[in-house]
Amino acid sequence: MSNRGRRRRSTSSIAPSPATSSSSSSGYPEPRLSQLPQWKFSQVLGELPPAAGGHRNGPAALQDDADEISAIEFDARGEYLTAGDHAGRVILFRRTDEDDEARLQARPRAELERADYAEPPPPPRYSYATEFQSHDPEFDVLHSLEIGEKIKKVRWCPRPNRRSLCMLATNDRTVKLWKVSEHKAPKKENSEPRRSTQASSLQEPYSELAATTKPRGSSADSAEQIEKVGDVGDGYSAKCRRVFGRAHEFNINSISNNCDGETFVSADDLRINLWHLEVTSQCFNIVDMKPADMEDLVEVITTAEFHPSSCSLLTYGSSSGLVRLVDLRRSALCDQSART
């Protein structure tokens, strides 16, 4: 059976062809092939479509556009990898080779000294952990506009505890703060499970009580509506903690966490808003590039990013090819105090 038309990832190493001469024009000897980096295929996360036909638009192509990956992000330690797709889903992968490294470090010292570590360690391995539906299609009645569920960006937040993960996910208009908790499977016992009499706090793993108890200080018409998802996979549960919406007239193109662990920014084509993770009712507009007359518009914001270690520094790029660096300590509105 011919393998022509199959969509496969090559597992062979990718290396440049050997040099035809032994020395370069500068007089220095060129490195040997063995000294050049050997790029090797590592891993595919997900399912490849069935092999049939040889055309891109045929059955060998993706079966559904909803499966296309639109955002991807590692957490700070590289233990988790998250991906967002066009269907509004967030998929989590977890590193599974850390147990092998722990067993290797637990070997006797004499055995470790005799071992040969000339070869580099194997690449990390990730496996599917869980997934949940983050966004759904919406309709903006005011502007008569359909808002898709496609995930534009995913950003990790500081972990509240060892068994919980927090992340921000956004579509074109709404940013959501999600908490994914890892919990042990309940033991099968004849005794009745113990019931708690207190409401679950933000730092506690998801429980059945949290799905039925209304948070303190909330009301039926509150602007902050917390969406409960419940169990989403083997040993995982997800909850929407915050919804940051109704603050952008144009499509969001980027979000960025601040290193202070309390704030983040969301940027669209003309504005950048500063949010607090605990406040959904208001945000601060720190960059506004919208002219009085839209015909005078000459550039739009394309991306925004916080400094990794200085919480007051923010940079953003525009369609005119400029990168501007702003200091939030100098002015409340930073579009005029930028350093280009």
C-alpha atoms as a PDB file:
ATOM      1  CA  MET A   1       0.000   0.000   0.000  1.00  0.00           C
ATOM      2  CA  SER A   2       1.405   3.341  -1.037  1.00  0.00           C
ATOM      3  CA  ASN A   3       2.031   5.913   1.649  1.00  0.00           C
ATOM      4  CA  ARG A   4       1.707   8.775  -0.787  1.00  0.00           C
ATOM      5  CA  GLY A   5      -0.812  11.382   0.414  1.00  0.00           C
ATOM      6  CA  ARG A   6      -0.459  10.514   4.089  1.00  0.00           C
ATOM      7  CA  ARG A   7      -0.043  13.490   6.418  1.00  0.00           C
ATOM      8  CA  ARG A   8       2.818  12.390   8.627  1.00  0.00           C
ATOM      9  CA  ARG A   9       5.421  14.140  10.712  1.00  0.00           C
ATOM     10  CA  SER A  10       8.943  13.057   9.944  1.00  0.00           C
ATOM     11  CA  THR A  11      10.818  11.470  12.820  1.00  0.00           C
ATOM     12  CA  SER A  12      14.214  11.579  11.158  1.00  0.00           C
ATOM     13  CA  SER A  13      16.820  14.069  12.287  1.00  0.00           C
ATOM     14  CA  ILE A  14      17.167  17.295  10.350  1.00  0.00           C
ATOM     15  CA  ALA A  15      20.737  18.371   9.806  1.00  0.00           C
ATOM     16  CA  PRO A  16      22.435  20.589   7.238  1.00  0.00           C
ATOM     17  CA  SER A  17      24.365  19.007   4.411  1.00  0.00           C
ATOM     18  CA  PRO A  18      28.128  18.540   4.872  1.00  0.00           C
ATOM     19  CA  ALA A  19      30.308  21.446   3.918  1.00  0.00           C
ATOM     20  CA  THR A  20      32.100  21.109   0.596  1.00  0.00           C
ATOM     21  CA  SER A  21      35.236  22.853   1.796  1.00  0.00           C
ATOM     22  CA  SER A  22      37.235  22.409   4.967  1.00  0.00           C
ATOM     23  CA  SER A  23      37.750  26.108   5.657  1.00  0.00           C
ATOM     24  CA  SER A  24      35.652  29.221   5.306  1.00  0.00           C
ATOM     25  CA  SER A  25      36.565  32.414   3.466  1.00  0.00           C
ATOM     26  CA  SER A  26      37.697  33.976   6.763  1.00  0.00           C
ATOM     27  CA  GLY A  27      40.332  31.312   7.246  1.00  0.00           C
ATOM     28  CA  TYR A  28      38.684  29.570  10.199  1.00  0.00           C
ATOM     29  CA  PRO A  29      37.915  25.846   9.815  1.00  0.00           C
ATOM     30  CA  GLU A  30      34.230  25.086   9.442  1.00  0.00           C
ATOM     31  CA  PRO A  31      32.647  22.836  12.105  1.00  0.00           C
ATOM     32  CA  ARG A  32      32.251  19.187  11.347  1.00  0.00           C
ATOM     33  CA  LEU A  33      28.839  17.651  10.823  1.00  0.00           C
ATOM     34  CA  SER A  34      29.041  15.939  14.207  1.00  0.00           C
ATOM     35  CA  GLN A  35      29.522  19.330  15.890  1.00  0.00           C
ATOM     36  CA  LEU A  36      26.427  20.873  14.330  1.00  0.00           C
ATOM     37  CA  PRO A  37      23.130  20.749  16.250  1.00  0.00           C
ATOM     38  CA  GLN A  38      20.989  17.767  15.380  1.00  0.00           C
ATOM     39  CA  TRP A  39      17.323  18.743  15.164  1.00  0.00           C
ATOM     40  CA  LYS A  40      15.097  15.773  15.876  1.00  0.00           C
ATOM     41  CA  PHE A  41      11.362  15.301  15.901  1.00  0.00           C
ATOM     42  CA  SER A  42      10.052  15.041  19.459  1.00  0.00           C
ATOM     43  CA  GLN A  43       6.284  14.693  19.906  1.00  0.00           C
ATOM     44  CA  VAL A  44       2.856  15.435  18.442  1.00  0.00           C
ATOM     45  CA  LEU A  45       0.096  16.458  20.831  1.00  0.00           C
ATOM     46  CA  GLY A  46      -3.312  15.743  19.395  1.00  0.00           C
ATOM     47  CA  GLU A  47      -4.784  13.483  16.748  1.00  0.00           C
ATOM     48  CA  LEU A  48      -3.808  13.614  13.099  1.00  0.00           C
ATOM     49  CA  PRO A  49      -6.674  13.424  10.592  1.00  0.00           C
ATOM     50  CA  PRO A  50      -7.166  10.145   8.704  1.00  0.00           C
ATOM     51  CA  ALA A  51      -4.866   9.612   5.728  1.00  0.00           C
ATOM     52  CA  ALA A  52      -6.753   9.734   2.472  1.00  0.00           C
ATOM     53  CA  GLY A  53      -6.269  11.631  -0.742  1.00  0.00           C
ATOM     54  CA  GLY A  54      -3.393  13.953  -1.541  1.00  0.00           C
ATOM     55  CA  HIS A  55      -5.053  17.338  -1.691  1.00  0.00           C
ATOM     56  CA  ARG A  56      -5.038  19.908   1.069  1.00  0.00           C
ATOM     57  CA  ASN A  57      -8.739  20.543   0.673  1.00  0.00           C
ATOM     58  CA  GLY A  58      -9.565  16.872   0.563  1.00  0.00           C
ATOM     59  CA  PRO A  59     -10.269  14.399   3.353  1.00  0.00           C
ATOM     60  CA  ALA A  60      -6.641  14.579   4.473  1.00  0.00           C
ATOM     61  CA  ALA A  61      -7.113  18.163   5.588  1.00  0.00           C
ATOM     62  CA  LEU A  62      -8.496  19.076   8.984  1.00  0.00           C
ATOM     63  CA  GLN A  63     -12.007  17.717   9.344  1.00  0.00           C
ATOM     64  CA  ASP A  64     -13.255  20.782  11.173  1.00  0.00           C
ATOM     65  CA  ASP A  65     -11.955  24.339  11.402  1.00  0.00           C
ATOM     66  CA  ALA A  66     -12.961  24.317  15.074  1.00  0.00           C
ATOM     67  CA  ASP A  67      -9.967  22.072  15.815  1.00  0.00           C
ATOM     68  CA  GLU A  68      -7.451  24.654  14.611  1.00  0.00           C
ATOM     69  CA  ILE A  69      -5.118  25.824  17.376  1.00  0.00           C
ATOM     70  CA  SER A  70      -5.195  29.601  17.821  1.00  0.00           C
ATOM     71  CA  ALA A  71      -3.218  30.111  21.065  1.00  0.00           C
ATOM     72  CA  ILE A  72      -0.587  28.198  23.015  1.00  0.00           C
ATOM     73  CA  GLU A  73       1.323  28.886  26.225  1.00  0.00           C
ATOM     74  CA  PHE A  74       3.656  27.139  28.697  1.00  0.00           C
ATOM     75  CA  ASP A  75       3.363  27.807  32.396  1.00  0.00           C
ATOM     76  CA  ALA A  76       6.311  29.344  34.259  1.00  0.00           C
ATOM     77  CA  ARG A  77       7.824  25.987  35.226  1.00  0.00           C
ATOM     78  CA  GLY A  78       7.125  24.186  31.966  1.00  0.00           C
ATOM     79  CA  GLU A  79       5.059  21.580  33.782  1.00  0.00           C
ATOM     80  CA  TYR A  80       1.856  22.401  31.903  1.00  0.00           C
ATOM     81  CA  LEU A  81       1.127  23.368  28.322  1.00  0.00           C
ATOM     82  CA  THR A  82      -2.196  24.882  27.352  1.00  0.00           C
ATOM     83  CA  ALA A  83      -3.702  25.434  23.920  1.00  0.00           C
ATOM     84  CA  GLY A  84      -6.828  27.242  22.750  1.00  0.00           C
ATOM     85  CA  ASP A  85      -8.725  26.454  19.553  1.00  0.00           C
ATOM     86  CA  HIS A  86     -11.311  28.024  17.270  1.00  0.00           C
ATOM     87  CA  ALA A  87     -14.164  26.266  19.095  1.00  0.00           C
ATOM     88  CA  GLY A  88     -13.503  28.170  22.336  1.00  0.00           C
ATOM     89  CA  ARG A  89     -11.952  25.198  24.107  1.00  0.00           C
ATOM     90  CA  VAL A  90      -8.856  25.263  26.310  1.00  0.00           C
ATOM     91  CA  ILE A  91      -6.834  22.036  26.313  1.00  0.00           C
ATOM     92  CA  LEU A  92      -4.273  21.219  29.008  1.00  0.00           C
ATOM     93  CA  PHE A  93      -1.257  18.937  28.630  1.00  0.00           C
ATOM     94  CA  ARG A  94       0.907  17.886  31.546  1.00  0.00           C
ATOM     95  CA  ARG A  95       4.551  16.869  31.609  1.00  0.00           C
ATOM     96  CA  THR A  96       4.851  13.180  32.421  1.00  0.00           C
ATOM     97  CA  ASP A  97       8.614  12.521  32.467  1.00  0.00           C
ATOM     98  CA  GLU A  98       9.346  14.230  35.794  1.00  0.00           C
ATOM     99  CA  ASP A  99       8.885  10.937  37.643  1.00  0.00           C
ATOM    100  CA  ASP A 100      11.666   9.425  35.537  1.00  0.00           C
ATOM    101  CA  GLU A 101      13.994  12.294  36.480  1.00  0.00           C
ATOM    102  CA  ALA A 102      13.147  11.836  40.167  1.00  0.00           C
ATOM    103  CA  ARG A 103      13.977   8.130  39.972  1.00  0.00           C
ATOM    104  CA  LEU A 104      17.232   8.963  38.217  1.00  0.00           C
ATOM    105  CA  GLN A 105      18.250  11.389  40.950  1.00  0.00           C
ATOM    106  CA  ALA A 106      17.383   8.810  43.608  1.00  0.00           C
ATOM    107  CA  ARG A 107      19.969   6.327  42.278  1.00  0.00           C
ATOM    108  CA  PRO A 108      23.075   5.662  44.428  1.00  0.00           C
ATOM    109  CA  ARG A 109      25.915   8.124  44.015  1.00  0.00           C
ATOM    110  CA  ALA A 110      28.402   5.446  42.944  1.00  0.00           C
ATOM    111  CA  GLU A 111      26.066   4.329  40.175  1.00  0.00           C
ATOM    112  CA  LEU A 112      25.597   7.895  39.012  1.00  0.00           C
ATOM    113  CA  GLU A 113      29.367   8.414  38.874  1.00  0.00           C
ATOM    114  CA  ARG A 114      29.785   5.300  36.740  1.00  0.00           C
ATOM    115  CA  ALA A 115      27.040   6.369  34.358  1.00  0.00           C
ATOM    116  CA  ASP A 116      27.951   8.039  31.105  1.00  0.00           C
ATOM    117  CA  TYR A 117      26.106  11.331  30.568  1.00  0.00           C
ATOM    118  CA  ALA A 118      27.743  12.274  27.299  1.00  0.00           C
ATOM    119  CA  GLU A 119      24.413  12.161  25.498  1.00  0.00           C
ATOM    120  CA  PRO A 120      21.894  14.925  26.201  1.00  0.00           C
ATOM    121  CA  PRO A 121      18.806  14.027  28.238  1.00  0.00           C
ATOM    122  CA  PRO A 122      15.698  13.032  26.293  1.00  0.00           C
ATOM    123  CA  PRO A 123      13.198  15.780  25.476  1.00  0.00           C
ATOM    124  CA  PRO A 124      10.282  16.294  27.872  1.00  0.00           C
ATOM    125  CA  ARG A 125       7.109  14.338  27.245  1.00  0.00           C
ATOM    126  CA  TYR A 126       3.612  15.760  27.600  1.00  0.00           C
ATOM    127  CA  SER A 127       0.308  13.942  27.762  1.00  0.00           C
ATOM    128  CA  TYR A 128      -3.298  15.055  27.648  1.00  0.00           C
ATOM    129  CA  ALA A 129      -4.671  16.177  31.016  1.00  0.00           C
ATOM    130  CA  THR A 130      -8.074  17.788  30.467  1.00  0.00           C
ATOM    131  CA  GLU A 131     -10.024  20.358  28.475  1.00  0.00           C
ATOM    132  CA  PHE A 132     -12.968  22.670  29.061  1.00  0.00           C
ATOM    133  CA  GLN A 133     -15.188  25.079  27.153  1.00  0.00           C
ATOM    134  CA  SER A 134     -13.976  28.599  27.871  1.00  0.00           C
ATOM    135  CA  HIS A 135     -16.006  30.771  25.472  1.00  0.00           C
ATOM    136  CA  ASP A 136     -19.235  30.397  23.521  1.00  0.00           C
ATOM    137  CA  PRO A 137     -20.583  32.381  20.562  1.00  0.00           C
ATOM    138  CA  GLU A 138     -22.153  35.678  21.592  1.00  0.00           C
ATOM    139  CA  PHE A 139     -24.142  38.426  19.923  1.00  0.00           C
ATOM    140  CA  ASP A 140     -23.534  42.107  20.574  1.00  0.00           C
ATOM    141  CA  VAL A 141     -27.022  43.601  20.405  1.00  0.00           C
ATOM    142  CA  LEU A 142     -25.773  47.193  20.595  1.00  0.00           C
ATOM    143  CA  HIS A 143     -23.545  46.859  17.529  1.00  0.00           C
ATOM    144  CA  SER A 144     -25.488  43.987  15.867  1.00  0.00           C
ATOM    145  CA  LEU A 145     -22.271  41.974  15.763  1.00  0.00           C
ATOM    146  CA  GLU A 146     -21.646  38.274  16.199  1.00  0.00           C
ATOM    147  CA  ILE A 147     -18.710  37.512  18.483  1.00  0.00           C
ATOM    148  CA  GLY A 148     -16.980  34.214  17.821  1.00  0.00           C
ATOM    149  CA  GLU A 149     -15.755  31.787  20.432  1.00  0.00           C
ATOM    150  CA  LYS A 150     -12.206  31.553  19.035  1.00  0.00           C
ATOM    151  CA  ILE A 151      -9.529  31.749  21.736  1.00  0.00           C
ATOM    152  CA  LYS A 152      -7.186  34.619  20.878  1.00  0.00           C
ATOM    153  CA  LYS A 153      -4.735  34.416  23.791  1.00  0.00           C
ATOM    154  CA  VAL A 154      -4.060  32.258  26.848  1.00  0.00           C
ATOM    155  CA  ARG A 155      -1.889  33.454  29.742  1.00  0.00           C
ATOM    156  CA  TRP A 156      -0.949  31.676  32.959  1.00  0.00           C
ATOM    157  CA  CYS A 157      -1.441  33.322  36.345  1.00  0.00           C
ATOM    158  CA  PRO A 158       0.425  32.548  39.596  1.00  0.00           C
ATOM    159  CA  ARG A 159      -0.698  29.275  41.134  1.00  0.00           C
ATOM    160  CA  PRO A 160      -2.811  29.746  44.288  1.00  0.00           C
ATOM    161  CA  ASN A 161      -1.735  26.346  45.643  1.00  0.00           C
ATOM    162  CA  ARG A 162      -0.089  23.103  44.547  1.00  0.00           C
ATOM    163  CA  ARG A 163      -3.270  21.512  43.236  1.00  0.00           C
ATOM    164  CA  SER A 164      -4.763  24.472  41.384  1.00  0.00           C
ATOM    165  CA  LEU A 165      -3.946  26.273  38.158  1.00  0.00           C
ATOM    166  CA  CYS A 166      -5.121  29.734  37.109  1.00  0.00           C
ATOM    167  CA  MET A 167      -5.126  31.176  33.612  1.00  0.00           C
ATOM    168  CA  LEU A 168      -6.591  33.981  31.540  1.00  0.00           C
ATOM    169  CA  ALA A 169      -8.286  33.190  28.247  1.00  0.00           C
ATOM    170  CA  THR A 170      -9.828  35.683  25.850  1.00  0.00           C
ATOM    171  CA  ASN A 171     -11.810  35.766  22.642  1.00  0.00           C
ATOM    172  CA  ASP A 172     -12.438  38.930  20.612  1.00  0.00           C
ATOM    173  CA  ARG A 173     -14.201  40.837  23.402  1.00  0.00           C
ATOM    174  CA  THR A 174     -14.235  39.024  26.758  1.00  0.00           C
ATOM    175  CA  VAL A 175     -11.415  37.926  29.070  1.00  0.00           C
ATOM    176  CA  LYS A 176     -12.107  35.146  31.572  1.00  0.00           C
ATOM    177  CA  LEU A 177     -10.123  34.007  34.584  1.00  0.00           C
ATOM    178  CA  TRP A 178     -10.232  30.222  34.950  1.00  0.00           C
ATOM    179  CA  LYS A 179      -9.205  28.026  37.846  1.00  0.00           C
ATOM    180  CA  VAL A 180      -8.466  24.367  37.143  1.00  0.00           C
ATOM    181  CA  SER A 181      -8.141  22.165  40.217  1.00  0.00           C
ATOM    182  CA  GLU A 182      -6.616  18.746  40.468  1.00  0.00           C
ATOM    183  CA  HIS A 183      -8.284  16.478  42.995  1.00  0.00           C
ATOM    184  CA  LYS A 184      -7.915  12.883  44.025  1.00  0.00           C
ATOM    185  CA  ALA A 185     -10.547  10.352  43.079  1.00  0.00           C
ATOM    186  CA  PRO A 186     -12.994   9.735  45.947  1.00  0.00           C
ATOM    187  CA  LYS A 187     -12.491   6.541  47.870  1.00  0.00           C
ATOM    188  CA  LYS A 188     -15.197   3.931  47.571  1.00  0.00           C
ATOM    189  CA  GLU A 189     -16.353   3.417  51.104  1.00  0.00           C
ATOM    190  CA  ASN A 190     -19.648   2.497  52.675  1.00  0.00           C
ATOM    191  CA  SER A 191     -19.517   5.410  55.061  1.00  0.00           C
ATOM    192  CA  GLU A 192     -21.325   8.586  54.084  1.00  0.00           C
ATOM    193  CA  PRO A 193     -18.942  11.323  52.900  1.00  0.00           C
ATOM    194  CA  ARG A 194     -18.387  14.209  55.263  1.00  0.00           C
ATOM    195  CA  ARG A 195     -20.207  17.388  54.317  1.00  0.00           C
ATOM    196  CA  SER A 196     -18.734  20.780  54.912  1.00  0.00           C
ATOM    197  CA  THR A 197     -20.814  23.522  56.461  1.00  0.00           C
ATOM    198  CA  GLN A 198     -18.741  26.436  55.154  1.00  0.00           C
ATOM    199  CA  ALA A 199     -18.558  27.897  51.668  1.00  0.00           C
ATOM    200  CA  SER A 200     -15.490  27.074  49.623  1.00  0.00           C
ATOM    201  CA  SER A 201     -12.988  29.928  49.327  1.00  0.00           C
ATOM    202  CA  LEU A 202     -11.065  30.952  46.229  1.00  0.00           C
ATOM    203  CA  GLN A 203      -8.018  29.012  47.351  1.00  0.00           C
ATOM    204  CA  GLU A 204      -9.828  25.723  47.869  1.00  0.00           C
ATOM    205  CA  PRO A 205     -10.288  23.045  45.204  1.00  0.00           C
ATOM    206  CA  TYR A 206     -13.616  22.821  43.437  1.00  0.00           C
ATOM    207  CA  SER A 207     -16.299  20.951  45.320  1.00  0.00           C
ATOM    208  CA  GLU A 208     -19.940  20.149  44.843  1.00  0.00           C
ATOM    209  CA  LEU A 209     -20.772  22.728  47.511  1.00  0.00           C
ATOM    210  CA  ALA A 210     -19.143  25.469  45.417  1.00  0.00           C
ATOM    211  CA  ALA A 211     -21.453  24.630  42.529  1.00  0.00           C
ATOM    212  CA  THR A 212     -24.575  25.227  44.617  1.00  0.00           C
ATOM    213  CA  THR A 213     -23.499  27.958  47.050  1.00  0.00           C
ATOM    214  CA  LYS A 214     -23.715  31.557  45.883  1.00  0.00           C
ATOM    215  CA  PRO A 215     -20.542  33.534  46.654  1.00  0.00           C
ATOM    216  CA  ARG A 216     -20.698  36.036  49.446  1.00  0.00           C
ATOM    217  CA  GLY A 217     -21.396  39.587  48.365  1.00  0.00           C
ATOM    218  CA  SER A 218     -22.943  38.569  45.055  1.00  0.00           C
ATOM    219  CA  SER A 219     -26.419  39.249  43.815  1.00  0.00           C
ATOM    220  CA  ALA A 220     -28.621  37.953  41.034  1.00  0.00           C
ATOM    221  CA  ASP A 221     -28.000  41.029  38.867  1.00  0.00           C
ATOM    222  CA  SER A 222     -24.328  41.361  39.782  1.00  0.00           C
ATOM    223  CA  ALA A 223     -21.947  42.353  36.993  1.00  0.00           C
ATOM    224  CA  GLU A 224     -19.659  39.512  37.995  1.00  0.00           C
ATOM    225  CA  GLN A 225     -21.376  36.286  37.000  1.00  0.00           C
ATOM    226  CA  ILE A 226     -19.301  33.253  37.917  1.00  0.00           C
ATOM    227  CA  GLU A 227     -19.771  30.326  35.602  1.00  0.00           C
ATOM    228  CA  LYS A 228     -19.410  26.849  37.037  1.00  0.00           C
ATOM    229  CA  VAL A 229     -18.251  23.981  34.875  1.00  0.00           C
ATOM    230  CA  GLY A 230     -17.560  21.186  37.330  1.00  0.00           C
ATOM    231  CA  ASP A 231     -15.613  18.036  36.516  1.00  0.00           C
ATOM    232  CA  VAL A 232     -13.989  18.284  33.093  1.00  0.00           C
ATOM    233  CA  GLY A 233     -11.639  15.307  33.098  1.00  0.00           C
ATOM    234  CA  ASP A 234      -9.981  12.549  35.064  1.00  0.00           C
ATOM    235  CA  GLY A 235      -9.106  14.173  38.374  1.00  0.00           C
ATOM    236  CA  TYR A 236      -9.673  17.760  37.193  1.00  0.00           C
ATOM    237  CA  SER A 237     -12.388  20.371  37.589  1.00  0.00           C
ATOM    238  CA  ALA A 238     -12.664  23.878  36.146  1.00  0.00           C
ATOM    239  CA  LYS A 239     -14.412  27.049  37.285  1.00  0.00           C
ATOM    240  CA  CYS A 240     -14.684  30.480  35.758  1.00  0.00           C
ATOM    241  CA  ARG A 241     -13.669  32.845  38.557  1.00  0.00           C
ATOM    242  CA  ARG A 242     -13.926  36.217  36.848  1.00  0.00           C
ATOM    243  CA  VAL A 243     -15.392  37.633  33.631  1.00  0.00           C
ATOM    244  CA  PHE A 244     -13.821  40.842  32.326  1.00  0.00           C
ATOM    245  CA  GLY A 245     -16.092  42.147  29.608  1.00  0.00           C
ATOM    246  CA  ARG A 246     -17.825  45.165  28.072  1.00  0.00           C
ATOM    247  CA  ALA A 247     -14.618  47.215  27.933  1.00  0.00           C
ATOM    248  CA  HIS A 248     -13.497  46.893  24.294  1.00  0.00           C
ATOM    249  CA  GLU A 249     -15.165  48.269  21.177  1.00  0.00           C
ATOM    250  CA  PHE A 250     -12.678  46.514  18.916  1.00  0.00           C
ATOM    251  CA  ASN A 251     -11.269  42.999  18.828  1.00  0.00           C
ATOM    252  CA  ILE A 252      -8.752  42.113  21.527  1.00  0.00           C
ATOM    253  CA  ASN A 253      -5.363  41.200  20.080  1.00  0.00           C
ATOM    254  CA  SER A 254      -3.319  40.531  23.229  1.00  0.00           C
ATOM    255  CA  ILE A 255      -3.383  40.172  27.003  1.00  0.00           C
ATOM    256  CA  SER A 256      -0.410  40.261  29.369  1.00  0.00           C
ATOM    257  CA  ASN A 257       0.027  39.492  33.054  1.00  0.00           C
ATOM    258  CA  ASN A 258       1.912  41.825  35.334  1.00  0.00           C
ATOM    259  CA  CYS A 259       4.723  40.444  37.462  1.00  0.00           C
ATOM    260  CA  ASP A 260       2.985  41.813  40.578  1.00  0.00           C
ATOM    261  CA  GLY A 261       0.483  38.958  40.241  1.00  0.00           C
ATOM    262  CA  GLU A 262      -2.476  41.313  40.696  1.00  0.00           C
ATOM    263  CA  THR A 263      -3.035  43.148  37.412  1.00  0.00           C
ATOM    264  CA  PHE A 264      -3.050  42.523  33.670  1.00  0.00           C
ATOM    265  CA  VAL A 265      -3.667  44.470  30.474  1.00  0.00           C
ATOM    266  CA  SER A 266      -5.914  43.764  27.526  1.00  0.00           C
ATOM    267  CA  ALA A 267      -5.256  45.515  24.216  1.00  0.00           C
ATOM    268  CA  ASP A 268      -7.395  46.022  21.144  1.00  0.00           C
ATOM    269  CA  ASP A 269      -6.716  48.008  17.978  1.00  0.00           C
ATOM    270  CA  LEU A 270      -6.987  51.431  19.635  1.00  0.00           C
ATOM    271  CA  ARG A 271      -6.954  51.038  23.410  1.00  0.00           C
ATOM    272  CA  ILE A 272      -5.078  49.284  26.211  1.00  0.00           C
ATOM    273  CA  ASN A 273      -6.949  48.678  29.468  1.00  0.00           C
ATOM    274  CA  LEU A 274      -5.460  47.876  32.872  1.00  0.00           C
ATOM    275  CA  TRP A 275      -7.415  45.398  35.020  1.00  0.00           C
ATOM    276  CA  HIS A 276      -7.182  44.081  38.547  1.00  0.00           C
ATOM    277  CA  LEU A 277      -7.710  40.339  38.839  1.00  0.00           C
ATOM    278  CA  GLU A 278     -10.185  40.798  41.686  1.00  0.00           C
ATOM    279  CA  VAL A 279     -12.258  43.608  40.103  1.00  0.00           C
ATOM    280  CA  THR A 280     -14.450  43.081  37.062  1.00  0.00           C
ATOM    281  CA  SER A 281     -16.701  46.134  37.297  1.00  0.00           C
ATOM    282  CA  GLN A 282     -14.078  48.659  36.150  1.00  0.00           C
ATOM    283  CA  CYS A 283     -10.761  49.025  34.380  1.00  0.00           C
ATOM    284  CA  PHE A 284      -8.346  51.884  33.658  1.00  0.00           C
ATOM    285  CA  ASN A 285      -7.670  53.042  30.121  1.00  0.00           C
ATOM    286  CA  ILE A 286      -3.915  53.695  29.945  1.00  0.00           C
ATOM    287  CA  VAL A 287      -3.438  54.008  26.175  1.00  0.00           C
ATOM    288  CA  ASP A 288      -6.022  55.550  23.845  1.00  0.00           C
ATOM    289  CA  MET A 289      -5.098  56.027  20.183  1.00  0.00           C
ATOM    290  CA  LYS A 290      -8.617  56.656  18.889  1.00  0.00           C
ATOM    291  CA  PRO A 291      -8.728  59.990  17.000  1.00  0.00           C
ATOM    292  CA  ALA A 292     -11.656  62.369  17.113  1.00  0.00           C
ATOM    293  CA  ASP A 293     -12.316  61.559  13.459  1.00  0.00           C
ATOM    294  CA  MET A 294     -11.750  57.943  12.424  1.00  0.00           C
ATOM    295  CA  GLU A 295     -10.650  59.162   8.996  1.00  0.00           C
ATOM    296  CA  ASP A 296      -7.515  60.519  10.669  1.00  0.00           C
ATOM    297  CA  LEU A 297      -6.532  57.058  11.924  1.00  0.00           C
ATOM    298  CA  VAL A 298      -2.988  56.238  10.772  1.00  0.00           C
ATOM    299  CA  GLU A 299      -1.954  53.327  12.996  1.00  0.00           C
ATOM    300  CA  VAL A 300      -3.431  50.680  15.302  1.00  0.00           C
ATOM    301  CA  ILE A 301      -2.119  48.709  18.252  1.00  0.00           C
ATOM    302  CA  THR A 302      -1.003  45.209  17.342  1.00  0.00           C
ATOM    303  CA  THR A 303       0.356  43.811  20.620  1.00  0.00           C
ATOM    304  CA  ALA A 304       1.108  44.754  24.244  1.00  0.00           C
ATOM    305  CA  GLU A 305       3.361  43.142  26.839  1.00  0.00           C
ATOM    306  CA  PHE A 306       4.375  43.805  30.445  1.00  0.00           C
ATOM    307  CA  HIS A 307       8.013  43.739  31.511  1.00  0.00           C
ATOM    308  CA  PRO A 308       8.838  40.355  33.105  1.00  0.00           C
ATOM    309  CA  SER A 309      10.364  41.829  36.281  1.00  0.00           C
ATOM    310  CA  SER A 310       9.399  45.528  36.460  1.00  0.00           C
ATOM    311  CA  CYS A 311       5.698  45.950  37.158  1.00  0.00           C
ATOM    312  CA  SER A 312       5.590  49.578  35.965  1.00  0.00           C
ATOM    313  CA  LEU A 313       7.021  49.048  32.470  1.00  0.00           C
ATOM    314  CA  LEU A 314       4.784  48.230  29.531  1.00  0.00           C
ATOM    315  CA  THR A 315       5.582  48.007  25.850  1.00  0.00           C
ATOM    316  CA  TYR A 316       3.261  47.906  22.870  1.00  0.00           C
ATOM    317  CA  GLY A 317       3.707  47.752  19.125  1.00  0.00           C
ATOM    318  CA  SER A 318       1.754  49.365  16.322  1.00  0.00           C
ATOM    319  CA  SER A 319       1.034  48.793  12.658  1.00  0.00           C
ATOM    320  CA  SER A 320       3.458  51.576  11.715  1.00  0.00           C
ATOM    321  CA  GLY A 321       6.415  49.450  12.829  1.00  0.00           C
ATOM    322  CA  LEU A 322       7.050  51.308  16.091  1.00  0.00           C
ATOM    323  CA  VAL A 323       7.587  49.788  19.542  1.00  0.00           C
ATOM    324  CA  ARG A 324       6.744  52.108  22.425  1.00  0.00           C
ATOM    325  CA  LEU A 325       7.909  51.694  26.019  1.00  0.00           C
ATOM    326  CA  VAL A 326       5.824  53.388  28.715  1.00  0.00           C
ATOM    327  CA  ASP A 327       6.256  53.827  32.464  1.00  0.00           C
ATOM    328  CA  LEU A 328       2.990  53.618  34.380  1.00  0.00           C
ATOM    329  CA  ARG A 329       4.466  55.751  37.170  1.00  0.00           C
ATOM    330  CA  ARG A 330       4.850  58.840  34.987  1.00  0.00           C
ATOM    331  CA  SER A 331       1.295  59.354  33.819  1.00  0.00           C
ATOM    332  CA  ALA A 332      -2.140  57.808  34.142  1.00  0.00           C
ATOM    333  CA  LEU A 333      -2.593  58.069  30.366  1.00  0.00           C
ATOM    334  CA  CYS A 334       0.529  56.684  28.766  1.00  0.00           C
ATOM    335  CA  ASP A 335      -0.014  57.271  25.059  1.00  0.00           C
ATOM    336  CA  GLN A 336       1.712  60.689  25.177  1.00  0.00           C
ATOM    337  CA  SER A 337       4.541  59.729  27.559  1.00  0.00           C
ATOM    338  CA  ALA A 338       5.808  56.821  25.516  1.00  0.00           C
ATOM    339  CA  ARG A 339       9.412  56.199  24.572  1.00  0.00           C
ATOM    340  CA  THR A 340       9.699  55.060  20.959  1.00  0.00           C
END
